[in-house]
Protein backbone atom coordinates (compact mmCIF):
# COMPACT_ATOMS: atom_id res chain seq x y z
CA MET A 1 96.39 87.60 95.16
CA PRO A 2 94.27 90.71 94.68
CA LEU A 3 91.25 91.20 92.46
CA TYR A 4 91.60 93.72 89.62
CA GLU A 5 88.69 95.34 87.78
CA TYR A 6 88.77 95.96 84.03
CA PHE A 7 86.57 97.44 81.31
CA CYS A 8 86.54 95.94 77.80
CA GLU A 9 86.49 98.57 75.05
CA SER A 10 85.34 95.97 72.48
CA CYS A 11 82.25 94.49 74.16
CA GLN A 12 81.71 97.22 76.80
CA ALA A 13 81.79 94.67 79.65
CA ASP A 14 83.06 95.19 83.18
CA PHE A 15 84.93 92.20 84.57
CA THR A 16 87.17 91.22 87.48
CA LEU A 17 90.33 89.10 87.39
CA LEU A 18 92.28 87.45 90.19
CA GLN A 19 95.89 88.30 89.28
CA SER A 20 99.32 88.48 90.81
CA THR A 21 100.58 91.98 91.57
CA ASP A 22 103.45 91.58 89.09
CA THR A 23 101.12 90.69 86.19
CA ASN A 24 101.30 93.08 83.24
CA LYS A 25 97.83 94.65 83.27
CA GLU A 26 98.28 95.84 79.67
CA GLU A 27 98.08 92.21 78.47
CA SER A 28 94.87 91.23 80.31
CA GLU A 29 92.16 89.67 78.15
CA CYS A 30 88.43 90.25 78.48
CA SER A 31 86.72 87.32 80.20
CA GLU A 32 83.62 87.85 78.00
CA CYS A 33 84.97 88.21 74.45
CA GLY A 34 88.71 87.49 74.79
CA SER A 35 89.79 90.90 73.45
CA LYS A 36 93.00 92.50 74.70
CA ASN A 37 91.45 95.95 74.20
CA THR A 38 90.89 96.33 77.94
CA ARG A 39 91.34 99.19 80.38
CA TYR A 40 92.34 98.75 84.03
CA LYS A 41 89.88 100.44 86.40
CA PHE A 42 91.15 101.91 89.64
CA SER A 43 89.07 100.36 92.42
CA SER A 44 88.87 100.52 96.17
CA PHE A 45 89.83 97.78 98.57
CA ALA A 46 88.96 96.61 102.05
CA ALA A 47 91.34 95.58 104.79
CA LYS A 48 90.65 93.56 107.90
CA ILE A 49 92.22 94.86 111.08
CA GLN A 50 92.95 92.17 113.62
CA GLY A 51 93.43 92.84 117.26
CA LYS A 52 91.19 94.91 119.48
CA PRO A 53 87.40 94.70 119.05
CA HIS A 54 85.68 97.39 117.00
CA ALA A 55 84.37 99.18 120.10
CA ASP A 56 87.92 99.87 121.29
CA LEU A 57 88.79 101.53 117.97
CA GLN A 58 86.25 104.30 118.54
CA LYS A 59 88.30 106.13 121.17
CA PRO A 60 91.35 108.26 120.29
CA VAL A 61 94.79 106.71 120.68
CA THR A 62 96.80 107.95 123.64
CA VAL A 63 100.44 107.49 124.65
CA ASP A 64 99.36 104.68 126.99
CA ASP A 65 98.06 102.69 123.98
CA LEU A 66 101.45 102.72 122.22
CA PRO A 67 103.97 99.89 122.75
CA ASN A 68 106.89 102.36 122.68
CA LYS A 69 105.85 105.31 124.82
CA ASN A 70 108.99 107.31 123.89
CA VAL A 71 107.95 107.56 120.25
CA LEU A 72 106.16 110.86 120.88
CA ARG A 73 109.05 112.48 122.73
CA ILE A 74 110.31 114.46 119.79
CA PRO A 75 112.72 117.35 120.40
CA PRO A 76 111.28 120.77 119.56
CA ALA A 77 111.95 122.12 116.09
CA ARG A 78 114.91 124.42 115.73
CA HIS A 79 115.59 127.11 113.17
CA ILE A 80 118.38 126.35 110.72
CA SER A 81 120.47 129.21 112.18
CA GLU A 82 120.61 127.34 115.51
CA TYR A 83 122.59 124.48 113.94
CA GLN A 84 125.64 126.59 113.09
């Protein structure tokens, strides 16, 4: 479950709640004073990438790095008049 950050309009406190993604954020109560006069704050997040070590992520990705090498073989764009 993700962490969500809130601001309480009543006591002016910032607080964080561990909530399910389907929780109604409008009904969250302040962990300091219990007020429901809270405002959800948009916050950043971090993600952990598993797989190659960090040093390998510094170089640009090439076709050889892709599991399906045909994914970049896209036909050239055509003008709409060429379809008729």
